[in-house]
Structures are given as C-alpha cells and as structure tokens.
Amino acid sequence: MKLTVDSAGNWRLYTNTVPAGAVVLGTVTRDGIDTGALVRMGNTGAYLQINAGCARSLDGRTVAAAIGTIGKPATLTGGKRVNVYLDDASLDAAAKLGDGNVSEGIRVALKKVVDS
C-alpha cells in the first residue's frame, strides 16, 4: 500500500470530528484513490484515517515513511531512550509542541525552561 500525506490538506472535507486526544496531521491518501483525515492518537501513537466518523487504522511505519519521520531525529546527538508516564493533558501538550512527536515536544518544553 502506498500512502501520501499532505500536512496542509483540508481534513475537514473528510470529517468534522476527531477522537478525543487525537492530533490532526492533515490528510492521507491510500493507493492514490482513498483520501481522508490523518490523525495520530495521543495516548497510543496509533495513526488513523478518518472518513465521516469512521476510523481505519494505518501502519505506523508506512505513515512515518510518508511523513518523513523514520528513525531518530536528524538533529539529535547523544541521548538515551527513557520511558515517561504522562497524564493525558501533558501528552497532548507534548504532541502539539512536537508537531505530533511527543519526544520532540518534551525536548522543546525543556529547552524553553533551560533557556529562560
């Protein structure tokens, strides 16, 4: 299956509502013919295509490849993988700060604190 992601796509053409905790990433087209709203669930990281309230799960690796987010961030040197436990509001905030990437959102928030 080939996916094309348009981060500036008008997702409201395909649905007026998104699940609670979801971050809208634009639109996604499957195999060049089936387009819908692309969302990432904040609590699980799952990607969904939504059309008129119906959700279809998408393979995260395929979506990441279409978005261009495979692997570690190109600007991240060093570091260590850690697990964190966040409440829903913090998870949503981190995803928004990081444009859908919770880890990047946490780094952005920490940088703001250190730089102030």
PDB file of N, CA and C in Angstrom:
ATOM      1  N   MET A   1       0.845  -1.168   0.000  1.00  0.00           N
ATOM      2  CA  MET A   1       0.000   0.000   0.000  1.00  0.00           C
ATOM      3  C   MET A   1       0.895   1.238   0.000  1.00  0.00           C
ATOM      4  N   LYS A   2       0.579   2.189  -0.856  1.00  0.00           N
ATOM      5  CA  LYS A   2       1.307   3.448  -0.918  1.00  0.00           C
ATOM      6  C   LYS A   2       0.487   4.537  -0.236  1.00  0.00           C
ATOM      7  N   LEU A   3       1.138   5.296   0.640  1.00  0.00           N
ATOM      8  CA  LEU A   3       0.482   6.404   1.331  1.00  0.00           C
ATOM      9  C   LEU A   3       1.121   7.715   0.922  1.00  0.00           C
ATOM     10  N   THR A   4       0.276   8.723   0.761  1.00  0.00           N
ATOM     11  CA  THR A   4       0.737  10.086   0.536  1.00  0.00           C
ATOM     12  C   THR A   4       0.116  10.956   1.617  1.00  0.00           C
ATOM     13  N   VAL A   5       0.952  11.735   2.298  1.00  0.00           N
ATOM     14  CA  VAL A   5       0.477  12.601   3.374  1.00  0.00           C
ATOM     15  C   VAL A   5       0.597  14.051   2.932  1.00  0.00           C
ATOM     16  N   ASP A   6      -0.473  14.818   3.158  1.00  0.00           N
ATOM     17  CA  ASP A   6      -0.470  16.256   2.885  1.00  0.00           C
ATOM     18  C   ASP A   6      -0.735  16.958   4.214  1.00  0.00           C
ATOM     19  N   SER A   7       0.336  17.496   4.820  1.00  0.00           N
ATOM     20  CA  SER A   7       0.186  18.119   6.131  1.00  0.00           C
ATOM     21  C   SER A   7      -0.660  19.386   6.083  1.00  0.00           C
ATOM     22  N   ALA A   8      -0.803  19.979   4.891  1.00  0.00           N
ATOM     23  CA  ALA A   8      -1.638  21.172   4.735  1.00  0.00           C
ATOM     24  C   ALA A   8      -3.016  20.816   4.173  1.00  0.00           C
ATOM     25  N   GLY A   9      -3.289  19.531   4.038  1.00  0.00           N
ATOM     26  CA  GLY A   9      -4.565  19.095   3.467  1.00  0.00           C
ATOM     27  C   GLY A   9      -5.750  19.487   4.331  1.00  0.00           C
ATOM     28  N   ASN A  10      -6.870  19.781   3.687  1.00  0.00           N
ATOM     29  CA  ASN A  10      -8.088  20.191   4.396  1.00  0.00           C
ATOM     30  C   ASN A  10      -8.820  18.957   4.916  1.00  0.00           C
ATOM     31  N   TRP A  11      -8.444  18.528   6.122  1.00  0.00           N
ATOM     32  CA  TRP A  11      -9.004  17.314   6.699  1.00  0.00           C
ATOM     33  C   TRP A  11     -10.495  17.441   6.974  1.00  0.00           C
ATOM     34  N   ARG A  12     -10.992  18.662   7.119  1.00  0.00           N
ATOM     35  CA  ARG A  12     -12.420  18.856   7.408  1.00  0.00           C
ATOM     36  C   ARG A  12     -13.315  18.476   6.216  1.00  0.00           C
ATOM     37  N   LEU A  13     -12.738  18.287   5.057  1.00  0.00           N
ATOM     38  CA  LEU A  13     -13.514  17.780   3.929  1.00  0.00           C
ATOM     39  C   LEU A  13     -13.958  16.340   4.172  1.00  0.00           C
ATOM     40  N   TYR A  14     -13.256  15.640   5.074  1.00  0.00           N
ATOM     41  CA  TYR A  14     -13.496  14.214   5.277  1.00  0.00           C
ATOM     42  C   TYR A  14     -14.168  13.882   6.602  1.00  0.00           C
ATOM     43  N   THR A  15     -14.072  14.780   7.580  1.00  0.00           N
ATOM     44  CA  THR A  15     -14.747  14.574   8.862  1.00  0.00           C
ATOM     45  C   THR A  15     -14.813  15.901   9.609  1.00  0.00           C
ATOM     46  N   ASN A  16     -15.826  16.053  10.416  1.00  0.00           N
ATOM     47  CA  ASN A  16     -15.948  17.251  11.255  1.00  0.00           C
ATOM     48  C   ASN A  16     -15.482  17.000  12.683  1.00  0.00           C
ATOM     49  N   THR A  17     -15.310  15.740  13.038  1.00  0.00           N
ATOM     50  CA  THR A  17     -14.920  15.404  14.402  1.00  0.00           C
ATOM     51  C   THR A  17     -13.724  14.456  14.381  1.00  0.00           C
ATOM     52  N   VAL A  18     -12.943  14.534  15.450  1.00  0.00           N
ATOM     53  CA  VAL A  18     -11.834  13.598  15.640  1.00  0.00           C
ATOM     54  C   VAL A  18     -11.928  13.049  17.059  1.00  0.00           C
ATOM     55  N   PRO A  19     -11.380  11.882  17.297  1.00  0.00           N
ATOM     56  CA  PRO A  19     -11.450  11.302  18.638  1.00  0.00           C
ATOM     57  C   PRO A  19     -10.751  12.187  19.672  1.00  0.00           C
ATOM     58  N   ALA A  20     -11.226  12.116  20.906  1.00  0.00           N
ATOM     59  CA  ALA A  20     -10.587  12.858  21.996  1.00  0.00           C
ATOM     60  C   ALA A  20      -9.140  12.420  22.119  1.00  0.00           C
ATOM     61  N   GLY A  21      -8.248  13.379  22.297  1.00  0.00           N
ATOM     62  CA  GLY A  21      -6.830  13.085  22.443  1.00  0.00           C
ATOM     63  C   GLY A  21      -6.082  12.907  21.142  1.00  0.00           C
ATOM     64  N   ALA A  22      -6.782  13.049  20.021  1.00  0.00           N
ATOM     65  CA  ALA A  22      -6.129  12.878  18.722  1.00  0.00           C
ATOM     66  C   ALA A  22      -5.525  14.192  18.250  1.00  0.00           C
ATOM     67  N   VAL A  23      -4.431  14.082  17.504  1.00  0.00           N
ATOM     68  CA  VAL A  23      -3.782  15.239  16.892  1.00  0.00           C
ATOM     69  C   VAL A  23      -3.965  15.109  15.388  1.00  0.00           C
ATOM     70  N   VAL A  24      -4.567  16.111  14.760  1.00  0.00           N
ATOM     71  CA  VAL A  24      -4.784  16.085  13.316  1.00  0.00           C
ATOM     72  C   VAL A  24      -3.478  16.449  12.619  1.00  0.00           C
ATOM     73  N   LEU A  25      -3.066  15.616  11.664  1.00  0.00           N
ATOM     74  CA  LEU A  25      -1.807  15.831  10.946  1.00  0.00           C
ATOM     75  C   LEU A  25      -2.009  16.279   9.504  1.00  0.00           C
ATOM     76  N   GLY A  26      -3.250  16.341   9.049  1.00  0.00           N
ATOM     77  CA  GLY A  26      -3.537  16.728   7.661  1.00  0.00           C
ATOM     78  C   GLY A  26      -4.408  15.683   7.003  1.00  0.00           C
ATOM     79  N   THR A  27      -4.074  15.349   5.757  1.00  0.00           N
ATOM     80  CA  THR A  27      -4.821  14.313   5.044  1.00  0.00           C
ATOM     81  C   THR A  27      -3.875  13.211   4.593  1.00  0.00           C
ATOM     82  N   VAL A  28      -4.452  12.043   4.365  1.00  0.00           N
ATOM     83  CA  VAL A  28      -3.695  10.899   3.880  1.00  0.00           C
ATOM     84  C   VAL A  28      -4.460  10.287   2.717  1.00  0.00           C
ATOM     85  N   THR A  29      -3.726   9.878   1.690  1.00  0.00           N
ATOM     86  CA  THR A  29      -4.322   9.206   0.537  1.00  0.00           C
ATOM     87  C   THR A  29      -3.689   7.830   0.408  1.00  0.00           C
ATOM     88  N   ARG A  30      -4.545   6.813   0.369  1.00  0.00           N
ATOM     89  CA  ARG A  30      -4.079   5.432   0.229  1.00  0.00           C
ATOM     90  C   ARG A  30      -4.189   5.006  -1.226  1.00  0.00           C
ATOM     91  N   ASP A  31      -3.091   4.515  -1.758  1.00  0.00           N
ATOM     92  CA  ASP A  31      -3.036   3.992  -3.124  1.00  0.00           C
ATOM     93  C   ASP A  31      -3.552   4.969  -4.171  1.00  0.00           C
ATOM     94  N   GLY A  32      -3.442   6.255  -3.889  1.00  0.00           N
ATOM     95  CA  GLY A  32      -3.809   7.288  -4.852  1.00  0.00           C
ATOM     96  C   GLY A  32      -5.296   7.504  -5.056  1.00  0.00           C
ATOM     97  N   ILE A  33      -6.150   6.781  -4.327  1.00  0.00           N
ATOM     98  CA  ILE A  33      -7.590   6.909  -4.588  1.00  0.00           C
ATOM     99  C   ILE A  33      -8.453   7.148  -3.356  1.00  0.00           C
ATOM    100  N   ASP A  34      -7.986   6.771  -2.176  1.00  0.00           N
ATOM    101  CA  ASP A  34      -8.804   6.820  -0.960  1.00  0.00           C
ATOM    102  C   ASP A  34      -8.213   7.846  -0.004  1.00  0.00           C
ATOM    103  N   THR A  35      -8.848   9.013   0.112  1.00  0.00           N
ATOM    104  CA  THR A  35      -8.319  10.111   0.934  1.00  0.00           C
ATOM    105  C   THR A  35      -9.199  10.332   2.156  1.00  0.00           C
ATOM    106  N   GLY A  36      -8.558  10.693   3.269  1.00  0.00           N
ATOM    107  CA  GLY A  36      -9.277  11.009   4.492  1.00  0.00           C
ATOM    108  C   GLY A  36      -8.412  11.843   5.412  1.00  0.00           C
ATOM    109  N   ALA A  37      -8.960  12.178   6.561  1.00  0.00           N
ATOM    110  CA  ALA A  37      -8.211  12.934   7.562  1.00  0.00           C
ATOM    111  C   ALA A  37      -7.193  12.011   8.215  1.00  0.00           C
ATOM    112  N   LEU A  38      -5.972  12.504   8.426  1.00  0.00           N
ATOM    113  CA  LEU A  38      -4.937  11.732   9.107  1.00  0.00           C
ATOM    114  C   LEU A  38      -4.804  12.240  10.530  1.00  0.00           C
ATOM    115  N   VAL A  39      -4.977  11.348  11.498  1.00  0.00           N
ATOM    116  CA  VAL A  39      -4.824  11.721  12.897  1.00  0.00           C
ATOM    117  C   VAL A  39      -3.890  10.738  13.581  1.00  0.00           C
ATOM    118  N   ARG A  40      -3.265  11.229  14.640  1.00  0.00           N
ATOM    119  CA  ARG A  40      -2.415  10.390  15.484  1.00  0.00           C
ATOM    120  C   ARG A  40      -3.011  10.426  16.874  1.00  0.00           C
ATOM    121  N   MET A  41      -3.274   9.262  17.430  1.00  0.00           N
ATOM    122  CA  MET A  41      -3.846   9.176  18.757  1.00  0.00           C
ATOM    123  C   MET A  41      -2.760   9.499  19.777  1.00  0.00           C
ATOM    124  N   GLY A  42      -3.029  10.511  20.607  1.00  0.00           N
ATOM    125  CA  GLY A  42      -2.040  10.974  21.565  1.00  0.00           C
ATOM    126  C   GLY A  42      -1.663   9.945  22.615  1.00  0.00           C
ATOM    127  N   ASN A  43      -2.612   9.116  23.042  1.00  0.00           N
ATOM    128  CA  ASN A  43      -2.322   8.183  24.124  1.00  0.00           C
ATOM    129  C   ASN A  43      -1.651   6.898  23.653  1.00  0.00           C
ATOM    130  N   THR A  44      -1.795   6.539  22.382  1.00  0.00           N
ATOM    131  CA  THR A  44      -1.204   5.295  21.884  1.00  0.00           C
ATOM    132  C   THR A  44      -0.191   5.515  20.775  1.00  0.00           C
ATOM    133  N   GLY A  45      -0.272   6.649  20.095  1.00  0.00           N
ATOM    134  CA  GLY A  45       0.610   6.890  18.957  1.00  0.00           C
ATOM    135  C   GLY A  45       0.114   6.264  17.668  1.00  0.00           C
ATOM    136  N   ALA A  46      -1.049   5.619  17.717  1.00  0.00           N
ATOM    137  CA  ALA A  46      -1.600   4.969  16.526  1.00  0.00           C
ATOM    138  C   ALA A  46      -2.047   6.020  15.514  1.00  0.00           C
ATOM    139  N   TYR A  47      -1.849   5.715  14.235  1.00  0.00           N
ATOM    140  CA  TYR A  47      -2.302   6.587  13.152  1.00  0.00           C
ATOM    141  C   TYR A  47      -3.620   6.051  12.609  1.00  0.00           C
ATOM    142  N   LEU A  48      -4.545   6.977  12.322  1.00  0.00           N
ATOM    143  CA  LEU A  48      -5.851   6.605  11.789  1.00  0.00           C
ATOM    144  C   LEU A  48      -6.187   7.463  10.581  1.00  0.00           C
ATOM    145  N   GLN A  49      -6.907   6.872   9.645  1.00  0.00           N
ATOM    146  CA  GLN A  49      -7.540   7.622   8.567  1.00  0.00           C
ATOM    147  C   GLN A  49      -9.011   7.706   8.929  1.00  0.00           C
ATOM    148  N   ILE A  50      -9.546   8.925   8.962  1.00  0.00           N
ATOM    149  CA  ILE A  50     -10.945   9.101   9.355  1.00  0.00           C
ATOM    150  C   ILE A  50     -11.733   9.673   8.191  1.00  0.00           C
ATOM    151  N   ASN A  51     -12.853   9.028   7.900  1.00  0.00           N
ATOM    152  CA  ASN A  51     -13.786   9.469   6.872  1.00  0.00           C
ATOM    153  C   ASN A  51     -15.191   9.440   7.467  1.00  0.00           C
ATOM    154  N   ALA A  52     -15.815  10.607   7.572  1.00  0.00           N
ATOM    155  CA  ALA A  52     -17.197  10.728   8.059  1.00  0.00           C
ATOM    156  C   ALA A  52     -17.413   9.956   9.358  1.00  0.00           C
ATOM    157  N   GLY A  53     -16.459  10.071  10.283  1.00  0.00           N
ATOM    158  CA  GLY A  53     -16.603   9.433  11.583  1.00  0.00           C
ATOM    159  C   GLY A  53     -16.147   7.997  11.652  1.00  0.00           C
ATOM    160  N   CYS A  54     -15.846   7.373  10.523  1.00  0.00           N
ATOM    161  CA  CYS A  54     -15.333   6.001  10.524  1.00  0.00           C
ATOM    162  C   CYS A  54     -13.811   6.039  10.519  1.00  0.00           C
ATOM    163  N   ALA A  55     -13.193   5.264  11.392  1.00  0.00           N
ATOM    164  CA  ALA A  55     -11.738   5.274  11.516  1.00  0.00           C
ATOM    165  C   ALA A  55     -11.147   3.977  10.974  1.00  0.00           C
ATOM    166  N   ARG A  56     -10.055   4.116  10.248  1.00  0.00           N
ATOM    167  CA  ARG A  56      -9.317   2.971   9.716  1.00  0.00           C
ATOM    168  C   ARG A  56      -7.896   3.089  10.238  1.00  0.00           C
ATOM    169  N   SER A  57      -7.390   2.029  10.856  1.00  0.00           N
ATOM    170  CA  SER A  57      -6.023   2.077  11.376  1.00  0.00           C
ATOM    171  C   SER A  57      -5.033   1.980  10.214  1.00  0.00           C
ATOM    172  N   LEU A  58      -3.911   2.673  10.370  1.00  0.00           N
ATOM    173  CA  LEU A  58      -2.854   2.685   9.367  1.00  0.00           C
ATOM    174  C   LEU A  58      -1.568   2.187   9.999  1.00  0.00           C
ATOM    175  N   ASP A  59      -0.732   1.536   9.216  1.00  0.00           N
ATOM    176  CA  ASP A  59       0.552   1.056   9.693  1.00  0.00           C
ATOM    177  C   ASP A  59       1.452   2.246  10.020  1.00  0.00           C
ATOM    178  N   GLY A  60       1.918   2.307  11.260  1.00  0.00           N
ATOM    179  CA  GLY A  60       2.721   3.433  11.715  1.00  0.00           C
ATOM    180  C   GLY A  60       4.000   3.621  10.929  1.00  0.00           C
ATOM    181  N   ARG A  61       4.646   2.534  10.536  1.00  0.00           N
ATOM    182  CA  ARG A  61       5.894   2.636   9.770  1.00  0.00           C
ATOM    183  C   ARG A  61       5.647   3.221   8.387  1.00  0.00           C
ATOM    184  N   THR A  62       4.531   2.833   7.785  1.00  0.00           N
ATOM    185  CA  THR A  62       4.200   3.356   6.453  1.00  0.00           C
ATOM    186  C   THR A  62       3.869   4.838   6.538  1.00  0.00           C
ATOM    187  N   VAL A  63       3.115   5.247   7.570  1.00  0.00           N
ATOM    188  CA  VAL A  63       2.788   6.662   7.759  1.00  0.00           C
ATOM    189  C   VAL A  63       4.057   7.461   8.033  1.00  0.00           C
ATOM    190  N   ALA A  64       4.923   6.935   8.914  1.00  0.00           N
ATOM    191  CA  ALA A  64       6.174   7.636   9.234  1.00  0.00           C
ATOM    192  C   ALA A  64       7.031   7.824   7.987  1.00  0.00           C
ATOM    193  N   ALA A  65       7.066   6.821   7.134  1.00  0.00           N
ATOM    194  CA  ALA A  65       7.830   6.943   5.884  1.00  0.00           C
ATOM    195  C   ALA A  65       7.234   8.016   4.989  1.00  0.00           C
ATOM    196  N   ALA A  66       5.904   8.083   4.923  1.00  0.00           N
ATOM    197  CA  ALA A  66       5.240   9.087   4.084  1.00  0.00           C
ATOM    198  C   ALA A  66       5.439  10.496   4.639  1.00  0.00           C
ATOM    199  N   ILE A  67       5.467  10.610   5.960  1.00  0.00           N
ATOM    200  CA  ILE A  67       5.677  11.912   6.589  1.00  0.00           C
ATOM    201  C   ILE A  67       7.148  12.297   6.530  1.00  0.00           C
ATOM    202  N   GLY A  68       8.007  11.286   6.569  1.00  0.00           N
ATOM    203  CA  GLY A  68       9.444  11.536   6.575  1.00  0.00           C
ATOM    204  C   GLY A  68      10.014  11.555   7.974  1.00  0.00           C
ATOM    205  N   THR A  69       9.434  10.767   8.889  1.00  0.00           N
ATOM    206  CA  THR A  69       9.895  10.768  10.276  1.00  0.00           C
ATOM    207  C   THR A  69      10.433   9.419  10.715  1.00  0.00           C
ATOM    208  N   ILE A  70      11.007   8.656   9.797  1.00  0.00           N
ATOM    209  CA  ILE A  70      11.565   7.361  10.189  1.00  0.00           C
ATOM    210  C   ILE A  70      12.891   7.576  10.895  1.00  0.00           C
ATOM    211  N   GLY A  71      13.110   6.836  11.943  1.00  0.00           N
ATOM    212  CA  GLY A  71      14.369   6.892  12.669  1.00  0.00           C
ATOM    213  C   GLY A  71      14.404   8.017  13.680  1.00  0.00           C
ATOM    214  N   LYS A  72      15.567   8.166  14.297  1.00  0.00           N
ATOM    215  CA  LYS A  72      15.747   9.219  15.288  1.00  0.00           C
ATOM    216  C   LYS A  72      15.848  10.566  14.596  1.00  0.00           C
ATOM    217  N   PRO A  73      15.495  11.633  15.283  1.00  0.00           N
ATOM    218  CA  PRO A  73      15.612  12.964  14.688  1.00  0.00           C
ATOM    219  C   PRO A  73      17.037  13.234  14.219  1.00  0.00           C
ATOM    220  N   ALA A  74      17.168  13.833  13.049  1.00  0.00           N
ATOM    221  CA  ALA A  74      18.486  14.071  12.471  1.00  0.00           C
ATOM    222  C   ALA A  74      19.322  15.003  13.330  1.00  0.00           C
ATOM    223  N   THR A  75      18.709  15.898  14.086  1.00  0.00           N
ATOM    224  CA  THR A  75      19.451  16.874  14.873  1.00  0.00           C
ATOM    225  C   THR A  75      19.781  16.382  16.274  1.00  0.00           C
ATOM    226  N   LEU A  76      19.341  15.197  16.654  1.00  0.00           N
ATOM    227  CA  LEU A  76      19.563  14.695  17.996  1.00  0.00           C
ATOM    228  C   LEU A  76      20.878  13.922  18.044  1.00  0.00           C
ATOM    229  N   THR A  77      21.808  14.396  18.841  1.00  0.00           N
ATOM    230  CA  THR A  77      23.073  13.685  19.031  1.00  0.00           C
ATOM    231  C   THR A  77      23.165  13.264  20.486  1.00  0.00           C
ATOM    232  N   GLY A  78      23.681  12.096  20.700  1.00  0.00           N
ATOM    233  CA  GLY A  78      23.740  11.568  22.064  1.00  0.00           C
ATOM    234  C   GLY A  78      22.349  11.220  22.540  1.00  0.00           C
ATOM    235  N   GLY A  79      22.172  11.233  23.818  1.00  0.00           N
ATOM    236  CA  GLY A  79      20.854  10.959  24.372  1.00  0.00           C
ATOM    237  C   GLY A  79      20.698   9.511  24.763  1.00  0.00           C
ATOM    238  N   LYS A  80      19.584   9.219  25.356  1.00  0.00           N
ATOM    239  CA  LYS A  80      19.288   7.889  25.860  1.00  0.00           C
ATOM    240  C   LYS A  80      17.784   7.689  25.847  1.00  0.00           C
ATOM    241  N   ARG A  81      17.355   6.522  25.459  1.00  0.00           N
ATOM    242  CA  ARG A  81      15.926   6.211  25.464  1.00  0.00           C
ATOM    243  C   ARG A  81      15.468   6.014  26.905  1.00  0.00           C
ATOM    244  N   VAL A  82      14.374   6.685  27.266  1.00  0.00           N
ATOM    245  CA  VAL A  82      13.771   6.539  28.590  1.00  0.00           C
ATOM    246  C   VAL A  82      12.261   6.426  28.440  1.00  0.00           C
ATOM    247  N   ASN A  83      11.626   5.825  29.399  1.00  0.00           N
ATOM    248  CA  ASN A  83      10.167   5.759  29.435  1.00  0.00           C
ATOM    249  C   ASN A  83       9.666   6.816  30.393  1.00  0.00           C
ATOM    250  N   VAL A  84       8.618   7.520  30.005  1.00  0.00           N
ATOM    251  CA  VAL A  84       7.996   8.511  30.875  1.00  0.00           C
ATOM    252  C   VAL A  84       6.508   8.196  30.988  1.00  0.00           C
ATOM    253  N   TYR A  85       5.914   8.622  32.080  1.00  0.00           N
ATOM    254  CA  TYR A  85       4.488   8.440  32.296  1.00  0.00           C
ATOM    255  C   TYR A  85       3.865   9.822  32.381  1.00  0.00           C
ATOM    256  N   LEU A  86       2.969  10.136  31.441  1.00  0.00           N
ATOM    257  CA  LEU A  86       2.354  11.458  31.368  1.00  0.00           C
ATOM    258  C   LEU A  86       0.844  11.340  31.450  1.00  0.00           C
ATOM    259  N   ASP A  87       0.213  12.331  32.072  1.00  0.00           N
ATOM    260  CA  ASP A  87      -1.246  12.376  32.057  1.00  0.00           C
ATOM    261  C   ASP A  87      -1.693  12.804  30.659  1.00  0.00           C
ATOM    262  N   ASP A  88      -2.975  12.657  30.360  1.00  0.00           N
ATOM    263  CA  ASP A  88      -3.489  12.937  29.016  1.00  0.00           C
ATOM    264  C   ASP A  88      -3.220  14.367  28.568  1.00  0.00           C
ATOM    265  N   ALA A  89      -3.395  15.329  29.470  1.00  0.00           N
ATOM    266  CA  ALA A  89      -3.189  16.737  29.105  1.00  0.00           C
ATOM    267  C   ALA A  89      -1.727  16.999  28.752  1.00  0.00           C
ATOM    268  N   SER A  90      -0.803  16.425  29.532  1.00  0.00           N
ATOM    269  CA  SER A  90       0.623  16.607  29.252  1.00  0.00           C
ATOM    270  C   SER A  90       1.015  15.921  27.951  1.00  0.00           C
ATOM    271  N   LEU A  91       0.460  14.754  27.702  1.00  0.00           N
ATOM    272  CA  LEU A  91       0.739  14.021  26.465  1.00  0.00           C
ATOM    273  C   LEU A  91       0.260  14.811  25.254  1.00  0.00           C
ATOM    274  N   ASP A  92      -0.943  15.370  25.342  1.00  0.00           N
ATOM    275  CA  ASP A  92      -1.472  16.188  24.249  1.00  0.00           C
ATOM    276  C   ASP A  92      -0.611  17.429  24.024  1.00  0.00           C
ATOM    277  N   ALA A  93      -0.210  18.080  25.129  1.00  0.00           N
ATOM    278  CA  ALA A  93       0.617  19.282  25.017  1.00  0.00           C
ATOM    279  C   ALA A  93       1.962  18.959  24.378  1.00  0.00           C
ATOM    280  N   ALA A  94       2.583  17.860  24.790  1.00  0.00           N
ATOM    281  CA  ALA A  94       3.878  17.470  24.216  1.00  0.00           C
ATOM    282  C   ALA A  94       3.738  17.142  22.727  1.00  0.00           C
ATOM    283  N   ALA A  95       2.654  16.468  22.356  1.00  0.00           N
ATOM    284  CA  ALA A  95       2.428  16.151  20.945  1.00  0.00           C
ATOM    285  C   ALA A  95       2.243  17.420  20.116  1.00  0.00           C
ATOM    286  N   LYS A  96       1.536  18.395  20.670  1.00  0.00           N
ATOM    287  CA  LYS A  96       1.340  19.663  19.952  1.00  0.00           C
ATOM    288  C   LYS A  96       2.646  20.424  19.812  1.00  0.00           C
ATOM    289  N   LEU A  97       3.429  20.482  20.893  1.00  0.00           N
ATOM    290  CA  LEU A  97       4.715  21.179  20.830  1.00  0.00           C
ATOM    291  C   LEU A  97       5.664  20.524  19.836  1.00  0.00           C
ATOM    292  N   GLY A  98       5.570  19.211  19.721  1.00  0.00           N
ATOM    293  CA  GLY A  98       6.466  18.476  18.840  1.00  0.00           C
ATOM    294  C   GLY A  98       5.882  18.127  17.493  1.00  0.00           C
ATOM    295  N   ASP A  99       4.809  18.836  17.081  1.00  0.00           N
ATOM    296  CA  ASP A  99       4.153  18.562  15.795  1.00  0.00           C
ATOM    297  C   ASP A  99       3.812  17.078  15.640  1.00  0.00           C
ATOM    298  N   GLY A 100       3.222  16.502  16.691  1.00  0.00           N
ATOM    299  CA  GLY A 100       2.804  15.105  16.656  1.00  0.00           C
ATOM    300  C   GLY A 100       3.832  14.153  17.252  1.00  0.00           C
ATOM    301  N   ASN A 101       5.038  14.627  17.540  1.00  0.00           N
ATOM    302  CA  ASN A 101       6.097  13.796  18.109  1.00  0.00           C
ATOM    303  C   ASN A 101       6.237  14.161  19.591  1.00  0.00           C
ATOM    304  N   VAL A 102       5.805  13.258  20.476  1.00  0.00           N
ATOM    305  CA  VAL A 102       5.800  13.533  21.904  1.00  0.00           C
ATOM    306  C   VAL A 102       7.219  13.780  22.422  1.00  0.00           C
ATOM    307  N   SER A 103       8.173  12.968  21.992  1.00  0.00           N
ATOM    308  CA  SER A 103       9.556  13.150  22.446  1.00  0.00           C
ATOM    309  C   SER A 103      10.090  14.524  22.063  1.00  0.00           C
ATOM    310  N   GLU A 104       9.824  14.933  20.838  1.00  0.00           N
ATOM    311  CA  GLU A 104      10.272  16.256  20.394  1.00  0.00           C
ATOM    312  C   GLU A 104       9.585  17.346  21.213  1.00  0.00           C
ATOM    313  N   GLY A 105       8.311  17.168  21.529  1.00  0.00           N
ATOM    314  CA  GLY A 105       7.586  18.136  22.341  1.00  0.00           C
ATOM    315  C   GLY A 105       8.181  18.284  23.733  1.00  0.00           C
ATOM    316  N   ILE A 106       8.588  17.171  24.319  1.00  0.00           N
ATOM    317  CA  ILE A 106       9.233  17.225  25.637  1.00  0.00           C
ATOM    318  C   ILE A 106      10.556  17.977  25.533  1.00  0.00           C
ATOM    319  N   ARG A 107      11.339  17.698  24.469  1.00  0.00           N
ATOM    320  CA  ARG A 107      12.605  18.413  24.283  1.00  0.00           C
ATOM    321  C   ARG A 107      12.375  19.911  24.112  1.00  0.00           C
ATOM    322  N   VAL A 108      11.344  20.299  23.339  1.00  0.00           N
ATOM    323  CA  VAL A 108      11.026  21.718  23.129  1.00  0.00           C
ATOM    324  C   VAL A 108      10.673  22.379  24.466  1.00  0.00           C
ATOM    325  N   ALA A 109       9.835  21.713  25.261  1.00  0.00           N
ATOM    326  CA  ALA A 109       9.428  22.277  26.546  1.00  0.00           C
ATOM    327  C   ALA A 109      10.624  22.430  27.489  1.00  0.00           C
ATOM    328  N   LEU A 110      11.486  21.423  27.539  1.00  0.00           N
ATOM    329  CA  LEU A 110      12.662  21.504  28.410  1.00  0.00           C
ATOM    330  C   LEU A 110      13.620  22.584  27.965  1.00  0.00           C
ATOM    331  N   LYS A 111      13.771  22.752  26.658  1.00  0.00           N
ATOM    332  CA  LYS A 111      14.649  23.794  26.139  1.00  0.00           C
ATOM    333  C   LYS A 111      14.124  25.183  26.537  1.00  0.00           C
ATOM    334  N   LYS A 112      12.811  25.371  26.505  1.00  0.00           N
ATOM    335  CA  LYS A 112      12.232  26.650  26.917  1.00  0.00           C
ATOM    336  C   LYS A 112      12.547  26.958  28.382  1.00  0.00           C
ATOM    337  N   VAL A 113      12.487  25.935  29.224  1.00  0.00           N
ATOM    338  CA  VAL A 113      12.781  26.136  30.641  1.00  0.00           C
ATOM    339  C   VAL A 113      14.260  26.458  30.845  1.00  0.00           C
ATOM    340  N   VAL A 114      15.131  25.726  30.169  1.00  0.00           N
ATOM    341  CA  VAL A 114      16.569  25.953  30.319  1.00  0.00           C
ATOM    342  C   VAL A 114      16.971  27.311  29.772  1.00  0.00           C
ATOM    343  N   ASP A 115      16.373  27.732  28.665  1.00  0.00           N
ATOM    344  CA  ASP A 115      16.738  28.994  28.028  1.00  0.00           C
ATOM    345  C   ASP A 115      16.174  30.219  28.741  1.00  0.00           C
ATOM    346  N   SER A 116      15.218  30.026  29.651  1.00  0.00           N
ATOM    347  CA  SER A 116      14.607  31.201  30.309  1.00  0.00           C
ATOM    348  C   SER A 116      15.330  31.590  31.575  1.00  0.00           C
TER     349      SER A 116
END
